Amino acid sequence: MTGQPAISLPVHHDDASGLPVGVQIVAAPWREDLLLQVAHLLEQALPWTGRRPPVS
């Protein structure tokens, strides 16, 4: 509604539940380029693609 691009990224897993904990990043209007650059750097610093919560 505000025209600001945003992205939500899983960056951590809760030790008690194993569920992902995320962070939302919001950029200025028309700054998708900056948003994607920051998201990419965050993914490199905190890789999450291989993580899976335990199944009980």
C-alpha atoms as a PDB file:
ATOM      1  CA  MET A   1       0.000   0.000   0.000  1.00  0.00           C
ATOM      2  CA  THR A   2       2.882   2.397   0.709  1.00  0.00           C
ATOM      3  CA  GLY A   3       4.877   1.513  -2.396  1.00  0.00           C
ATOM      4  CA  GLN A   4       7.853   0.389  -0.352  1.00  0.00           C
ATOM      5  CA  PRO A   5       9.406  -2.922  -1.427  1.00  0.00           C
ATOM      6  CA  ALA A   6       9.847  -5.456   1.356  1.00  0.00           C
ATOM      7  CA  ILE A   7      11.191  -8.973   1.773  1.00  0.00           C
ATOM      8  CA  SER A   8      10.992 -11.464   4.625  1.00  0.00           C
ATOM      9  CA  LEU A   9      13.911 -13.834   5.144  1.00  0.00           C
ATOM     10  CA  PRO A  10      14.364 -16.777   7.519  1.00  0.00           C
ATOM     11  CA  VAL A  11      17.625 -16.107   9.359  1.00  0.00           C
ATOM     12  CA  HIS A  12      17.534 -18.350  12.433  1.00  0.00           C
ATOM     13  CA  HIS A  13      15.871 -21.431  13.918  1.00  0.00           C
ATOM     14  CA  ASP A  14      14.372 -21.383  17.393  1.00  0.00           C
ATOM     15  CA  ASP A  15      16.250 -24.001  19.418  1.00  0.00           C
ATOM     16  CA  ALA A  16      13.176 -25.030  21.404  1.00  0.00           C
ATOM     17  CA  SER A  17      10.787 -25.575  18.498  1.00  0.00           C
ATOM     18  CA  GLY A  18      13.128 -25.803  15.515  1.00  0.00           C
ATOM     19  CA  LEU A  19      10.896 -23.370  13.648  1.00  0.00           C
ATOM     20  CA  PRO A  20      12.380 -20.598  11.524  1.00  0.00           C
ATOM     21  CA  VAL A  21      12.622 -17.045  12.794  1.00  0.00           C
ATOM     22  CA  GLY A  22      12.558 -14.335  10.149  1.00  0.00           C
ATOM     23  CA  VAL A  23      13.402 -10.725   9.599  1.00  0.00           C
ATOM     24  CA  GLN A  24      11.589  -8.302   7.325  1.00  0.00           C
ATOM     25  CA  ILE A  25      13.598  -5.724   5.402  1.00  0.00           C
ATOM     26  CA  VAL A  26      11.905  -2.675   3.892  1.00  0.00           C
ATOM     27  CA  ALA A  27      13.483  -0.283   1.399  1.00  0.00           C
ATOM     28  CA  ALA A  28      12.550   3.116   0.075  1.00  0.00           C
ATOM     29  CA  PRO A  29      10.153   3.308  -2.858  1.00  0.00           C
ATOM     30  CA  TRP A  30      11.739   2.198  -6.152  1.00  0.00           C
ATOM     31  CA  ARG A  31      14.795   0.727  -4.349  1.00  0.00           C
ATOM     32  CA  GLU A  32      14.232  -2.938  -5.093  1.00  0.00           C
ATOM     33  CA  ASP A  33      17.860  -3.074  -6.238  1.00  0.00           C
ATOM     34  CA  LEU A  34      19.107  -2.138  -2.766  1.00  0.00           C
ATOM     35  CA  LEU A  35      16.644  -4.491  -1.093  1.00  0.00           C
ATOM     36  CA  LEU A  36      17.795  -7.452  -3.184  1.00  0.00           C
ATOM     37  CA  GLN A  37      21.461  -6.618  -2.597  1.00  0.00           C
ATOM     38  CA  VAL A  38      20.955  -6.589   1.180  1.00  0.00           C
ATOM     39  CA  ALA A  39      18.909  -9.804   1.055  1.00  0.00           C
ATOM     40  CA  HIS A  40      21.640 -11.480  -0.983  1.00  0.00           C
ATOM     41  CA  LEU A  41      24.352 -10.431   1.476  1.00  0.00           C
ATOM     42  CA  LEU A  42      22.254 -11.626   4.398  1.00  0.00           C
ATOM     43  CA  GLU A  43      21.690 -14.991   2.718  1.00  0.00           C
ATOM     44  CA  GLN A  44      25.434 -15.374   2.189  1.00  0.00           C
ATOM     45  CA  ALA A  45      26.173 -14.502   5.820  1.00  0.00           C
ATOM     46  CA  LEU A  46      23.380 -16.684   7.256  1.00  0.00           C
ATOM     47  CA  PRO A  47      22.646 -19.494   4.769  1.00  0.00           C
ATOM     48  CA  TRP A  48      19.296 -21.135   5.428  1.00  0.00           C
ATOM     49  CA  THR A  49      18.496 -23.208   2.327  1.00  0.00           C
ATOM     50  CA  GLY A  50      19.690 -26.473   3.871  1.00  0.00           C
ATOM     51  CA  ARG A  51      17.936 -26.078   7.222  1.00  0.00           C
ATOM     52  CA  ARG A  52      14.809 -28.062   7.983  1.00  0.00           C
ATOM     53  CA  PRO A  53      12.759 -28.136  11.198  1.00  0.00           C
ATOM     54  CA  PRO A  54      12.630 -31.497  12.950  1.00  0.00           C
ATOM     55  CA  VAL A  55       9.613 -33.672  12.211  1.00  0.00           C
ATOM     56  CA  SER A  56       8.045 -35.338  15.216  1.00  0.00           C
END
